[in-house]
Full PDB file with SEQRES, HELIX, SHEET, SSBOND, CRYST1, ORIGX, SCALE, CONECT and MASTER records, all heavy atoms in Angstrom:
SEQRES   1 A   43  ARG ASP PHE PRO PHE ILE VAL LEU ASN SER GLY LEU LEU          
SEQRES   2 A   43  ASP LEU VAL SER GLU ALA GLU LEU ARG THR VAL ILE ALA          
SEQRES   3 A   43  HIS GLU LEU GLY HIS LEU LYS CYS GLU HIS THR ILE LEU          
SEQRES   4 A   43  ILE GLN MET ALA                                              
HELIX    1 AA1 SER A   10  LEU A   13  1                                   4    
HELIX    2 AA2 GLU A   18  LYS A   33  1                                  16    
HELIX    3 AA3 THR A   37  MET A   42  1                                   6    
CRYST1    1.000    1.000    1.000  90.00  90.00  90.00 P 1           1          
ORIGX1      1.000000  0.000000  0.000000        0.00000                         
ORIGX2      0.000000  1.000000  0.000000        0.00000                         
ORIGX3      0.000000  0.000000  1.000000        0.00000                         
SCALE1      1.000000  0.000000  0.000000        0.00000                         
SCALE2      0.000000  1.000000  0.000000        0.00000                         
SCALE3      0.000000  0.000000  1.000000        0.00000                         
ATOM      1  N   ARG A   1       0.837  -1.190   0.000  1.00  0.00           N  
ATOM      2  CA  ARG A   1       0.000   0.000   0.000  1.00  0.00           C  
ATOM      3  C   ARG A   1       0.871   1.239   0.000  1.00  0.00           C  
ATOM      4  O   ARG A   1       0.754   2.090  -0.873  1.00  0.00           O  
ATOM      5  CB  ARG A   1      -0.945   0.017   1.210  1.00  0.00           C  
ATOM      6  CG  ARG A   1      -1.893   1.224   1.199  1.00  0.00           C  
ATOM      7  CD  ARG A   1      -2.838   1.223   2.381  1.00  0.00           C  
ATOM      8  NE  ARG A   1      -2.145   1.379   3.652  1.00  0.00           N  
ATOM      9  CZ  ARG A   1      -2.750   1.483   4.828  1.00  0.00           C  
ATOM     10  NH1 ARG A   1      -4.077   1.422   4.889  1.00  0.00           N  
ATOM     11  NH2 ARG A   1      -2.072   1.628   5.939  1.00  0.00           N  
ATOM     12  N   ASP A   2       1.778   1.352   0.970  1.00  0.00           N  
ATOM     13  CA  ASP A   2       2.719   2.464   0.979  1.00  0.00           C  
ATOM     14  C   ASP A   2       3.784   2.295  -0.096  1.00  0.00           C  
ATOM     15  O   ASP A   2       4.311   3.281  -0.623  1.00  0.00           O  
ATOM     16  CB  ASP A   2       3.383   2.590   2.356  1.00  0.00           C  
ATOM     17  CG  ASP A   2       2.378   2.893   3.450  1.00  0.00           C  
ATOM     18  OD1 ASP A   2       1.382   3.579   3.144  1.00  0.00           O  
ATOM     19  OD2 ASP A   2       2.575   2.450   4.598  1.00  0.00           O  
ATOM     20  N   PHE A   3       4.127   1.037  -0.408  1.00  0.00           N  
ATOM     21  CA  PHE A   3       5.090   0.724  -1.458  1.00  0.00           C  
ATOM     22  C   PHE A   3       4.440  -0.273  -2.432  1.00  0.00           C  
ATOM     23  O   PHE A   3       4.868  -1.416  -2.544  1.00  0.00           O  
ATOM     24  CB  PHE A   3       6.368   0.117  -0.863  1.00  0.00           C  
ATOM     25  CG  PHE A   3       7.080   1.008   0.096  1.00  0.00           C  
ATOM     26  CD1 PHE A   3       6.769   0.979   1.453  1.00  0.00           C  
ATOM     27  CD2 PHE A   3       8.056   1.888  -0.341  1.00  0.00           C  
ATOM     28  CE1 PHE A   3       7.427   1.807   2.355  1.00  0.00           C  
ATOM     29  CE2 PHE A   3       8.722   2.724   0.551  1.00  0.00           C  
ATOM     30  CZ  PHE A   3       8.402   2.688   1.899  1.00  0.00           C  
ATOM     31  N   PRO A   4       3.396   0.127  -3.129  1.00  0.00           N  
ATOM     32  CA  PRO A   4       2.670  -0.823  -3.981  1.00  0.00           C  
ATOM     33  C   PRO A   4       3.492  -1.243  -5.191  1.00  0.00           C  
ATOM     34  O   PRO A   4       4.216  -0.450  -5.786  1.00  0.00           O  
ATOM     35  CB  PRO A   4       1.435  -0.024  -4.407  1.00  0.00           C  
ATOM     36  CG  PRO A   4       1.865   1.400  -4.339  1.00  0.00           C  
ATOM     37  CD  PRO A   4       2.826   1.482  -3.198  1.00  0.00           C  
ATOM     38  N   PHE A   5       3.366  -2.518  -5.543  1.00  0.00           N  
ATOM     39  CA  PHE A   5       4.074  -3.007  -6.721  1.00  0.00           C  
ATOM     40  C   PHE A   5       3.349  -4.222  -7.284  1.00  0.00           C  
ATOM     41  O   PHE A   5       2.580  -4.893  -6.597  1.00  0.00           O  
ATOM     42  CB  PHE A   5       5.530  -3.362  -6.396  1.00  0.00           C  
ATOM     43  CG  PHE A   5       5.698  -4.448  -5.365  1.00  0.00           C  
ATOM     44  CD1 PHE A   5       5.722  -5.792  -5.734  1.00  0.00           C  
ATOM     45  CD2 PHE A   5       5.838  -4.131  -4.014  1.00  0.00           C  
ATOM     46  CE1 PHE A   5       5.878  -6.792  -4.787  1.00  0.00           C  
ATOM     47  CE2 PHE A   5       5.999  -5.127  -3.062  1.00  0.00           C  
ATOM     48  CZ  PHE A   5       6.006  -6.466  -3.449  1.00  0.00           C  
ATOM     49  N   ILE A   6       3.627  -4.472  -8.552  1.00  0.00           N  
ATOM     50  CA  ILE A   6       3.117  -5.640  -9.261  1.00  0.00           C  
ATOM     51  C   ILE A   6       4.304  -6.431  -9.775  1.00  0.00           C  
ATOM     52  O   ILE A   6       5.302  -5.850 -10.233  1.00  0.00           O  
ATOM     53  CB  ILE A   6       2.197  -5.221 -10.423  1.00  0.00           C  
ATOM     54  CG1 ILE A   6       0.900  -4.601  -9.898  1.00  0.00           C  
ATOM     55  CG2 ILE A   6       1.879  -6.397 -11.342  1.00  0.00           C  
ATOM     56  CD1 ILE A   6       0.030  -3.992 -10.980  1.00  0.00           C  
ATOM     57  N   VAL A   7       4.205  -7.757  -9.699  1.00  0.00           N  
ATOM     58  CA  VAL A   7       5.260  -8.632 -10.205  1.00  0.00           C  
ATOM     59  C   VAL A   7       4.673  -9.532 -11.284  1.00  0.00           C  
ATOM     60  O   VAL A   7       3.639 -10.167 -11.079  1.00  0.00           O  
ATOM     61  CB  VAL A   7       5.868  -9.496  -9.078  1.00  0.00           C  
ATOM     62  CG1 VAL A   7       6.901 -10.473  -9.646  1.00  0.00           C  
ATOM     63  CG2 VAL A   7       6.515  -8.606  -8.019  1.00  0.00           C  
ATOM     64  N   LEU A   8       5.334  -9.572 -12.431  1.00  0.00           N  
ATOM     65  CA  LEU A   8       4.989 -10.482 -13.514  1.00  0.00           C  
ATOM     66  C   LEU A   8       6.095 -11.514 -13.618  1.00  0.00           C  
ATOM     67  O   LEU A   8       7.273 -11.151 -13.730  1.00  0.00           O  
ATOM     68  CB  LEU A   8       4.871  -9.730 -14.850  1.00  0.00           C  
ATOM     69  CG  LEU A   8       3.954  -8.506 -14.901  1.00  0.00           C  
ATOM     70  CD1 LEU A   8       4.103  -7.805 -16.254  1.00  0.00           C  
ATOM     71  CD2 LEU A   8       2.503  -8.914 -14.676  1.00  0.00           C  
ATOM     72  N   ASN A   9       5.760 -12.788 -13.589  1.00  0.00           N  
ATOM     73  CA  ASN A   9       6.766 -13.831 -13.755  1.00  0.00           C  
ATOM     74  C   ASN A   9       7.130 -13.973 -15.232  1.00  0.00           C  
ATOM     75  O   ASN A   9       6.276 -13.830 -16.113  1.00  0.00           O  
ATOM     76  CB  ASN A   9       6.258 -15.164 -13.227  1.00  0.00           C  
ATOM     77  CG  ASN A   9       6.290 -15.236 -11.711  1.00  0.00           C  
ATOM     78  OD1 ASN A   9       6.745 -14.313 -11.039  1.00  0.00           O  
ATOM     79  ND2 ASN A   9       5.805 -16.331 -11.153  1.00  0.00           N  
ATOM     80  N   SER A  10       8.399 -14.288 -15.502  1.00  0.00           N  
ATOM     81  CA  SER A  10       8.860 -14.431 -16.882  1.00  0.00           C  
ATOM     82  C   SER A  10       8.110 -15.556 -17.598  1.00  0.00           C  
ATOM     83  O   SER A  10       7.886 -15.492 -18.809  1.00  0.00           O  
ATOM     84  CB  SER A  10      10.367 -14.687 -16.906  1.00  0.00           C  
ATOM     85  OG  SER A  10      10.694 -15.843 -16.144  1.00  0.00           O  
ATOM     86  N   GLY A  11       7.708 -16.595 -16.858  1.00  0.00           N  
ATOM     87  CA  GLY A  11       6.952 -17.682 -17.462  1.00  0.00           C  
ATOM     88  C   GLY A  11       5.623 -17.214 -18.031  1.00  0.00           C  
ATOM     89  O   GLY A  11       5.135 -17.757 -19.029  1.00  0.00           O  
ATOM     90  N   LEU A  12       5.030 -16.215 -17.412  1.00  0.00           N  
ATOM     91  CA  LEU A  12       3.788 -15.641 -17.921  1.00  0.00           C  
ATOM     92  C   LEU A  12       4.035 -14.918 -19.234  1.00  0.00           C  
ATOM     93  O   LEU A  12       3.280 -15.076 -20.204  1.00  0.00           O  
ATOM     94  CB  LEU A  12       3.213 -14.678 -16.879  1.00  0.00           C  
ATOM     95  CG  LEU A  12       2.002 -13.852 -17.304  1.00  0.00           C  
ATOM     96  CD1 LEU A  12       0.759 -14.736 -17.349  1.00  0.00           C  
ATOM     97  CD2 LEU A  12       1.774 -12.683 -16.356  1.00  0.00           C  
ATOM     98  N   LEU A  13       5.106 -14.121 -19.277  1.00  0.00           N  
ATOM     99  CA  LEU A  13       5.398 -13.347 -20.476  1.00  0.00           C  
ATOM    100  C   LEU A  13       5.644 -14.246 -21.680  1.00  0.00           C  
ATOM    101  O   LEU A  13       5.351 -13.867 -22.821  1.00  0.00           O  
ATOM    102  CB  LEU A  13       6.625 -12.458 -20.241  1.00  0.00           C  
ATOM    103  CG  LEU A  13       6.546 -11.468 -19.077  1.00  0.00           C  
ATOM    104  CD1 LEU A  13       7.796 -10.615 -19.028  1.00  0.00           C  
ATOM    105  CD2 LEU A  13       5.307 -10.590 -19.181  1.00  0.00           C  
ATOM    106  N   ASP A  14       6.193 -15.442 -21.439  1.00  0.00           N  
ATOM    107  CA  ASP A  14       6.507 -16.352 -22.538  1.00  0.00           C  
ATOM    108  C   ASP A  14       5.287 -17.088 -23.073  1.00  0.00           C  
ATOM    109  O   ASP A  14       5.358 -17.713 -24.131  1.00  0.00           O  
ATOM    110  CB  ASP A  14       7.545 -17.387 -22.075  1.00  0.00           C  
ATOM    111  CG  ASP A  14       8.904 -16.765 -21.787  1.00  0.00           C  
ATOM    112  OD1 ASP A  14       9.172 -15.682 -22.341  1.00  0.00           O  
ATOM    113  OD2 ASP A  14       9.675 -17.350 -21.014  1.00  0.00           O  
ATOM    114  N   LEU A  15       4.173 -17.021 -22.362  1.00  0.00           N  
ATOM    115  CA  LEU A  15       2.992 -17.805 -22.739  1.00  0.00           C  
ATOM    116  C   LEU A  15       1.881 -16.973 -23.346  1.00  0.00           C  
ATOM    117  O   LEU A  15       1.148 -17.457 -24.217  1.00  0.00           O  
ATOM    118  CB  LEU A  15       2.453 -18.562 -21.512  1.00  0.00           C  
ATOM    119  CG  LEU A  15       1.306 -19.544 -21.755  1.00  0.00           C  
ATOM    120  CD1 LEU A  15       1.764 -20.698 -22.656  1.00  0.00           C  
ATOM    121  CD2 LEU A  15       0.774 -20.087 -20.427  1.00  0.00           C  
ATOM    122  N   VAL A  16       1.721 -15.716 -22.910  1.00  0.00           N  
ATOM    123  CA  VAL A  16       0.545 -14.937 -23.305  1.00  0.00           C  
ATOM    124  C   VAL A  16       0.875 -13.945 -24.413  1.00  0.00           C  
ATOM    125  O   VAL A  16       2.025 -13.555 -24.622  1.00  0.00           O  
ATOM    126  CB  VAL A  16      -0.046 -14.183 -22.092  1.00  0.00           C  
ATOM    127  CG1 VAL A  16      -0.418 -15.145 -20.984  1.00  0.00           C  
ATOM    128  CG2 VAL A  16       0.942 -13.123 -21.561  1.00  0.00           C  
ATOM    129  N   SER A  17      -0.185 -13.534 -25.121  1.00  0.00           N  
ATOM    130  CA  SER A  17      -0.054 -12.499 -26.140  1.00  0.00           C  
ATOM    131  C   SER A  17      -0.057 -11.127 -25.479  1.00  0.00           C  
ATOM    132  O   SER A  17      -0.311 -10.997 -24.274  1.00  0.00           O  
ATOM    133  CB  SER A  17      -1.215 -12.597 -27.124  1.00  0.00           C  
ATOM    134  OG  SER A  17      -2.438 -12.231 -26.487  1.00  0.00           O  
ATOM    135  N   GLU A  18       0.172 -10.097 -26.279  1.00  0.00           N  
ATOM    136  CA  GLU A  18       0.167  -8.732 -25.737  1.00  0.00           C  
ATOM    137  C   GLU A  18      -1.215  -8.367 -25.201  1.00  0.00           C  
ATOM    138  O   GLU A  18      -1.323  -7.741 -24.136  1.00  0.00           O  
ATOM    139  CB  GLU A  18       0.596  -7.750 -26.824  1.00  0.00           C  
ATOM    140  CG  GLU A  18       0.687  -6.308 -26.328  1.00  0.00           C  
ATOM    141  CD  GLU A  18       1.260  -5.375 -27.376  1.00  0.00           C  
ATOM    142  OE1 GLU A  18       2.432  -5.537 -27.737  1.00  0.00           O  
ATOM    143  OE2 GLU A  18       0.496  -4.482 -27.828  1.00  0.00           O  
ATOM    144  N   ALA A  19      -2.264  -8.753 -25.927  1.00  0.00           N  
ATOM    145  CA  ALA A  19      -3.629  -8.454 -25.471  1.00  0.00           C  
ATOM    146  C   ALA A  19      -3.929  -9.166 -24.165  1.00  0.00           C  
ATOM    147  O   ALA A  19      -4.578  -8.610 -23.263  1.00  0.00           O  
ATOM    148  CB  ALA A  19      -4.640  -8.856 -26.543  1.00  0.00           C  
ATOM    149  N   GLU A  20      -3.468 -10.406 -24.041  1.00  0.00           N  
ATOM    150  CA  GLU A  20      -3.691 -11.169 -22.811  1.00  0.00           C  
ATOM    151  C   GLU A  20      -2.876 -10.605 -21.659  1.00  0.00           C  
ATOM    152  O   GLU A  20      -3.336 -10.573 -20.511  1.00  0.00           O  
ATOM    153  CB  GLU A  20      -3.346 -12.641 -23.048  1.00  0.00           C  
ATOM    154  CG  GLU A  20      -4.300 -13.323 -24.007  1.00  0.00           C  
ATOM    155  CD  GLU A  20      -3.689 -14.511 -24.727  1.00  0.00           C  
ATOM    156  OE1 GLU A  20      -2.640 -15.021 -24.272  1.00  0.00           O  
ATOM    157  OE2 GLU A  20      -4.251 -14.918 -25.761  1.00  0.00           O  
ATOM    158  N   LEU A  21      -1.664 -10.133 -21.967  1.00  0.00           N  
ATOM    159  CA  LEU A  21      -0.845  -9.506 -20.934  1.00  0.00           C  
ATOM    160  C   LEU A  21      -1.526  -8.256 -20.384  1.00  0.00           C  
ATOM    161  O   LEU A  21      -1.482  -7.984 -19.177  1.00  0.00           O  
ATOM    162  CB  LEU A  21       0.529  -9.146 -21.491  1.00  0.00           C  
ATOM    163  CG  LEU A  21       1.489  -8.447 -20.522  1.00  0.00           C  
ATOM    164  CD1 LEU A  21       1.779  -9.317 -19.298  1.00  0.00           C  
ATOM    165  CD2 LEU A  21       2.791  -8.079 -21.233  1.00  0.00           C  
ATOM    166  N   ARG A  22      -2.191  -7.516 -21.244  1.00  0.00           N  
ATOM    167  CA  ARG A  22      -2.929  -6.331 -20.790  1.00  0.00           C  
ATOM    168  C   ARG A  22      -3.994  -6.719 -19.770  1.00  0.00           C  
ATOM    169  O   ARG A  22      -4.203  -6.014 -18.779  1.00  0.00           O  
ATOM    170  CB  ARG A  22      -3.571  -5.623 -21.987  1.00  0.00           C  
ATOM    171  CG  ARG A  22      -4.274  -4.313 -21.636  1.00  0.00           C  
ATOM    172  CD  ARG A  22      -4.921  -3.703 -22.877  1.00  0.00           C  
ATOM    173  NE  ARG A  22      -3.930  -3.393 -23.886  1.00  0.00           N  
ATOM    174  CZ  ARG A  22      -3.260  -2.249 -23.952  1.00  0.00           C  
ATOM    175  NH1 ARG A  22      -3.487  -1.292 -23.057  1.00  0.00           N  
ATOM    176  NH2 ARG A  22      -2.387  -2.041 -24.908  1.00  0.00           N  
ATOM    177  N   THR A  23      -4.661  -7.846 -19.995  1.00  0.00           N  
ATOM    178  CA  THR A  23      -5.693  -8.275 -19.049  1.00  0.00           C  
ATOM    179  C   THR A  23      -5.081  -8.646 -17.703  1.00  0.00           C  
ATOM    180  O   THR A  23      -5.685  -8.391 -16.660  1.00  0.00           O  
ATOM    181  CB  THR A  23      -6.490  -9.482 -19.592  1.00  0.00           C  
ATOM    182  OG1 THR A  23      -5.706 -10.680 -19.531  1.00  0.00           O  
ATOM    183  CG2 THR A  23      -6.951  -9.242 -21.010  1.00  0.00           C  
ATOM    184  N   VAL A  24      -3.889  -9.242 -17.727  1.00  0.00           N  
ATOM    185  CA  VAL A  24      -3.213  -9.609 -16.472  1.00  0.00           C  
ATOM    186  C   VAL A  24      -2.834  -8.360 -15.692  1.00  0.00           C  
ATOM    187  O   VAL A  24      -3.081  -8.264 -14.480  1.00  0.00           O  
ATOM    188  CB  VAL A  24      -1.960 -10.460 -16.754  1.00  0.00           C  
ATOM    189  CG1 VAL A  24      -1.175 -10.705 -15.461  1.00  0.00           C  
ATOM    190  CG2 VAL A  24      -2.339 -11.786 -17.393  1.00  0.00           C  
ATOM    191  N   ILE A  25      -2.233  -7.399 -16.377  1.00  0.00           N  
ATOM    192  CA  ILE A  25      -1.822  -6.164 -15.710  1.00  0.00           C  
ATOM    193  C   ILE A  25      -3.039  -5.418 -15.160  1.00  0.00           C  
ATOM    194  O   ILE A  25      -3.021  -4.922 -14.021  1.00  0.00           O  
ATOM    195  CB  ILE A  25      -1.028  -5.274 -16.683  1.00  0.00           C  
ATOM    196  CG1 ILE A  25       0.319  -5.940 -17.017  1.00  0.00           C  
ATOM    197  CG2 ILE A  25      -0.802  -3.879 -16.087  1.00  0.00           C  
ATOM    198  CD1 ILE A  25       1.118  -5.211 -18.080  1.00  0.00           C  
ATOM    199  N   ALA A  26      -4.116  -5.347 -15.940  1.00  0.00           N  
ATOM    200  CA  ALA A  26      -5.332  -4.675 -15.472  1.00  0.00           C  
ATOM    201  C   ALA A  26      -5.921  -5.402 -14.272  1.00  0.00           C  
ATOM    202  O   ALA A  26      -6.426  -4.766 -13.330  1.00  0.00           O  
ATOM    203  CB  ALA A  26      -6.354  -4.597 -16.602  1.00  0.00           C  
ATOM    204  N   HIS A  27      -5.864  -6.735 -14.282  1.00  0.00           N  
ATOM    205  CA  HIS A  27      -6.360  -7.528 -13.146  1.00  0.00           C  
ATOM    206  C   HIS A  27      -5.585  -7.180 -11.883  1.00  0.00           C  
ATOM    207  O   HIS A  27      -6.194  -6.927 -10.823  1.00  0.00           O  
ATOM    208  CB  HIS A  27      -6.218  -9.017 -13.469  1.00  0.00           C  
ATOM    209  CG  HIS A  27      -6.545  -9.929 -12.326  1.00  0.00           C  
ATOM    210  ND1 HIS A  27      -7.772 -10.541 -12.191  1.00  0.00           N  
ATOM    211  CD2 HIS A  27      -5.807 -10.336 -11.251  1.00  0.00           C  
ATOM    212  CE1 HIS A  27      -7.779 -11.285 -11.097  1.00  0.00           C  
ATOM    213  NE2 HIS A  27      -6.591 -11.182 -10.509  1.00  0.00           N  
ATOM    214  N   GLU A  28      -4.262  -7.159 -11.963  1.00  0.00           N  
ATOM    215  CA  GLU A  28      -3.457  -6.855 -10.774  1.00  0.00           C  
ATOM    216  C   GLU A  28      -3.653  -5.413 -10.325  1.00  0.00           C  
ATOM    217  O   GLU A  28      -3.692  -5.123  -9.122  1.00  0.00           O  
ATOM    218  CB  GLU A  28      -1.978  -7.134 -11.045  1.00  0.00           C  
ATOM    219  CG  GLU A  28      -1.658  -8.578 -11.391  1.00  0.00           C  
ATOM    220  CD  GLU A  28      -2.145  -9.565 -10.348  1.00  0.00           C  
ATOM    221  OE1 GLU A  28      -2.220  -9.206  -9.153  1.00  0.00           O  
ATOM    222  OE2 GLU A  28      -2.463 -10.714 -10.716  1.00  0.00           O  
ATOM    223  N   LEU A  29      -3.808  -4.507 -11.263  1.00  0.00           N  
ATOM    224  CA  LEU A  29      -4.116  -3.123 -10.891  1.00  0.00           C  
ATOM    225  C   LEU A  29      -5.486  -3.030 -10.231  1.00  0.00           C  
ATOM    226  O   LEU A  29      -5.719  -2.164  -9.377  1.00  0.00           O  
ATOM    227  CB  LEU A  29      -4.064  -2.214 -12.124  1.00  0.00           C  
ATOM    228  CG  LEU A  29      -2.671  -1.898 -12.659  1.00  0.00           C  
ATOM    229  CD1 LEU A  29      -2.761  -1.126 -13.968  1.00  0.00           C  
ATOM    230  CD2 LEU A  29      -1.845  -1.115 -11.632  1.00  0.00           C  
ATOM    231  N   GLY A  30      -6.394  -3.922 -10.613  1.00  0.00           N  
ATOM    232  CA  GLY A  30      -7.701  -3.970  -9.957  1.00  0.00           C  
ATOM    233  C   GLY A  30      -7.565  -4.265  -8.479  1.00  0.00           C  
ATOM    234  O   GLY A  30      -8.286  -3.692  -7.651  1.00  0.00           O  
ATOM    235  N   HIS A  31      -6.629  -5.163  -8.133  1.00  0.00           N  
ATOM    236  CA  HIS A  31      -6.380  -5.442  -6.711  1.00  0.00           C  
ATOM    237  C   HIS A  31      -5.900  -4.182  -5.999  1.00  0.00           C  
ATOM    238  O   HIS A  31      -6.332  -3.888  -4.871  1.00  0.00           O  
ATOM    239  CB  HIS A  31      -5.327  -6.541  -6.569  1.00  0.00           C  
ATOM    240  CG  HIS A  31      -5.842  -7.928  -6.795  1.00  0.00           C  
ATOM    241  ND1 HIS A  31      -6.940  -8.427  -6.126  1.00  0.00           N  
ATOM    242  CD2 HIS A  31      -5.405  -8.932  -7.609  1.00  0.00           C  
ATOM    243  CE1 HIS A  31      -7.160  -9.671  -6.515  1.00  0.00           C  
ATOM    244  NE2 HIS A  31      -6.257  -9.999  -7.410  1.00  0.00           N  
ATOM    245  N   LEU A  32      -4.995  -3.446  -6.618  1.00  0.00           N  
ATOM    246  CA  LEU A  32      -4.501  -2.215  -6.002  1.00  0.00           C  
ATOM    247  C   LEU A  32      -5.609  -1.171  -5.911  1.00  0.00           C  
ATOM    248  O   LEU A  32      -5.738  -0.472  -4.901  1.00  0.00           O  
ATOM    249  CB  LEU A  32      -3.319  -1.661  -6.798  1.00  0.00           C  
ATOM    250  CG  LEU A  32      -2.033  -2.494  -6.781  1.00  0.00           C  
ATOM    251  CD1 LEU A  32      -0.964  -1.835  -7.662  1.00  0.00           C  
ATOM    252  CD2 LEU A  32      -1.502  -2.664  -5.361  1.00  0.00           C  
ATOM    253  N   LYS A  33      -6.406  -1.052  -6.966  1.00  0.00           N  
ATOM    254  CA  LYS A  33      -7.499  -0.071  -6.976  1.00  0.00           C  
ATOM    255  C   LYS A  33      -8.500  -0.369  -5.863  1.00  0.00           C  
ATOM    256  O   LYS A  33      -9.007   0.552  -5.206  1.00  0.00           O  
ATOM    257  CB  LYS A  33      -8.202  -0.119  -8.342  1.00  0.00           C  
ATOM    258  CG  LYS A  33      -9.343   0.877  -8.501  1.00  0.00           C  
ATOM    259  CD  LYS A  33      -8.827   2.284  -8.731  1.00  0.00           C  
ATOM    260  CE  LYS A  33      -9.960   3.256  -9.031  1.00  0.00           C  
ATOM    261  NZ  LYS A  33      -9.480   4.621  -9.299  1.00  0.00           N  
ATOM    262  N   CYS A  34      -8.773  -1.647  -5.639  1.00  0.00           N  
ATOM    263  CA  CYS A  34      -9.716  -2.050  -4.588  1.00  0.00           C  
ATOM    264  C   CYS A  34      -9.067  -2.071  -3.203  1.00  0.00           C  
ATOM    265  O   CYS A  34      -9.750  -2.386  -2.220  1.00  0.00           O  
ATOM    266  CB  CYS A  34     -10.279  -3.437  -4.897  1.00  0.00           C  
ATOM    267  SG  CYS A  34     -11.374  -3.512  -6.327  1.00  0.00           S  
ATOM    268  N   GLU A  35      -7.781  -1.771  -3.134  1.00  0.00           N  
ATOM    269  CA  GLU A  35      -7.041  -1.809  -1.865  1.00  0.00           C  
ATOM    270  C   GLU A  35      -7.124  -3.183  -1.214  1.00  0.00           C  
ATOM    271  O   GLU A  35      -7.247  -3.311   0.004  1.00  0.00           O  
ATOM    272  CB  GLU A  35      -7.544  -0.710  -0.920  1.00  0.00           C  
ATOM    273  CG  GLU A  35      -7.373   0.692  -1.478  1.00  0.00           C  
ATOM    274  CD  GLU A  35      -7.839   1.770  -0.503  1.00  0.00           C  
ATOM    275  OE1 GLU A  35      -7.910   1.499   0.718  1.00  0.00           O  
ATOM    276  OE2 GLU A  35      -8.131   2.880  -0.958  1.00  0.00           O  
ATOM    277  N   HIS A  36      -7.053  -4.218  -2.035  1.00  0.00           N  
ATOM    278  CA  HIS A  36      -7.065  -5.581  -1.523  1.00  0.00           C  
ATOM    279  C   HIS A  36      -5.756  -5.956  -0.836  1.00  0.00           C  
ATOM    280  O   HIS A  36      -5.724  -6.896  -0.029  1.00  0.00           O  
ATOM    281  CB  HIS A  36      -7.261  -6.566  -2.682  1.00  0.00           C  
ATOM    282  CG  HIS A  36      -8.651  -6.623  -3.226  1.00  0.00           C  
ATOM    283  ND1 HIS A  36      -8.935  -6.998  -4.522  1.00  0.00           N  
ATOM    284  CD2 HIS A  36      -9.854  -6.363  -2.648  1.00  0.00           C  
ATOM    285  CE1 HIS A  36     -10.234  -6.967  -4.719  1.00  0.00           C  
ATOM    286  NE2 HIS A  36     -10.816  -6.579  -3.606  1.00  0.00           N  
ATOM    287  N   THR A  37      -4.679  -5.258  -1.166  1.00  0.00           N  
ATOM    288  CA  THR A  37      -3.351  -5.789  -0.865  1.00  0.00           C  
ATOM    289  C   THR A  37      -3.042  -5.893   0.622  1.00  0.00           C  
ATOM    290  O   THR A  37      -2.284  -6.778   1.033  1.00  0.00           O  
ATOM    291  CB  THR A  37      -2.268  -4.944  -1.558  1.00  0.00           C  
ATOM    292  OG1 THR A  37      -2.456  -3.565  -1.215  1.00  0.00           O  
ATOM    293  CG2 THR A  37      -2.350  -5.107  -3.072  1.00  0.00           C  
ATOM    294  N   ILE A  38      -3.615  -5.030   1.439  1.00  0.00           N  
ATOM    295  CA  ILE A  38      -3.350  -5.124   2.875  1.00  0.00           C  
ATOM    296  C   ILE A  38      -3.938  -6.416   3.437  1.00  0.00           C  
ATOM    297  O   ILE A  38      -3.278  -7.155   4.178  1.00  0.00           O  
ATOM    298  CB  ILE A  38      -3.926  -3.910   3.623  1.00  0.00           C  
ATOM    299  CG1 ILE A  38      -3.163  -2.642   3.229  1.00  0.00           C  
ATOM    300  CG2 ILE A  38      -3.831  -4.127   5.139  1.00  0.00           C  
ATOM    301  CD1 ILE A  38      -1.695  -2.660   3.579  1.00  0.00           C  
ATOM    302  N   LEU A  39      -5.182  -6.709   3.084  1.00  0.00           N  
ATOM    303  CA  LEU A  39      -5.783  -7.958   3.561  1.00  0.00           C  
ATOM    304  C   LEU A  39      -5.091  -9.176   2.958  1.00  0.00           C  
ATOM    305  O   LEU A  39      -5.006 -10.230   3.603  1.00  0.00           O  
ATOM    306  CB  LEU A  39      -7.269  -7.990   3.242  1.00  0.00           C  
ATOM    307  CG  LEU A  39      -8.188  -7.183   4.169  1.00  0.00           C  
ATOM    308  CD1 LEU A  39      -9.643  -7.365   3.778  1.00  0.00           C  
ATOM    309  CD2 LEU A  39      -7.994  -7.564   5.622  1.00  0.00           C  
ATOM    310  N   ILE A  40      -4.596  -9.058   1.728  1.00  0.00           N  
ATOM    311  CA  ILE A  40      -3.835 -10.167   1.137  1.00  0.00           C  
ATOM    312  C   ILE A  40      -2.594 -10.453   1.970  1.00  0.00           C  
ATOM    313  O   ILE A  40      -2.285 -11.606   2.291  1.00  0.00           O  
ATOM    314  CB  ILE A  40      -3.449  -9.846  -0.324  1.00  0.00           C  
ATOM    315  CG1 ILE A  40      -4.691  -9.864  -1.220  1.00  0.00           C  
ATOM    316  CG2 ILE A  40      -2.415 -10.848  -0.843  1.00  0.00           C  
ATOM    317  CD1 ILE A  40      -4.433  -9.393  -2.642  1.00  0.00           C  
ATOM    318  N   GLN A  41      -1.867  -9.397   2.340  1.00  0.00           N  
ATOM    319  CA  GLN A  41      -0.666  -9.579   3.158  1.00  0.00           C  
ATOM    320  C   GLN A  41      -1.014 -10.114   4.542  1.00  0.00           C  
ATOM    321  O   GLN A  41      -0.290 -10.934   5.106  1.00  0.00           O  
ATOM    322  CB  GLN A  41       0.097  -8.255   3.263  1.00  0.00           C  
ATOM    323  CG  GLN A  41       0.749  -7.846   1.955  1.00  0.00           C  
ATOM    324  CD  GLN A  41       1.286  -6.425   1.988  1.00  0.00           C  
ATOM    325  OE1 GLN A  41       0.828  -5.562   1.256  1.00  0.00           O  
ATOM    326  NE2 GLN A  41       2.250  -6.180   2.845  1.00  0.00           N  
ATOM    327  N   MET A  42      -2.134  -9.655   5.103  1.00  0.00           N  
ATOM    328  CA  MET A  42      -2.574 -10.176   6.396  1.00  0.00           C  
ATOM    329  C   MET A  42      -2.903 -11.663   6.299  1.00  0.00           C  
ATOM    330  O   MET A  42      -2.592 -12.443   7.201  1.00  0.00           O  
ATOM    331  CB  MET A  42      -3.798  -9.396   6.890  1.00  0.00           C  
ATOM    332  CG  MET A  42      -3.487  -8.021   7.433  1.00  0.00           C  
ATOM    333  SD  MET A  42      -4.996  -7.142   7.932  1.00  0.00           S  
ATOM    334  CE  MET A  42      -5.621  -8.242   9.201  1.00  0.00           C  
ATOM    335  N   ALA A  43      -3.526 -12.071   5.186  1.00  0.00           N  
ATOM    336  CA  ALA A  43      -3.873 -13.479   4.994  1.00  0.00           C  
ATOM    337  C   ALA A  43      -2.622 -14.340   4.931  1.00  0.00           C  
ATOM    338  O   ALA A  43      -2.549 -15.412   5.544  1.00  0.00           O  
ATOM    339  CB  ALA A  43      -4.698 -13.644   3.719  1.00  0.00           C  
TER     340      ALA A  43                                                      
MASTER        0    0    0    3    0    0    0    6  339    1    0    4          
END                                                                             
């Protein structure tokens, strides 16, 4: 939250297309937008 970041594994980049990669990045940004990350870390 104070130091938010997203990590993409290289194995993902080797499998998906550019359009599919956009969906992955948007999905992870959705977690940040919803402020899910604090509860994720607590879990």
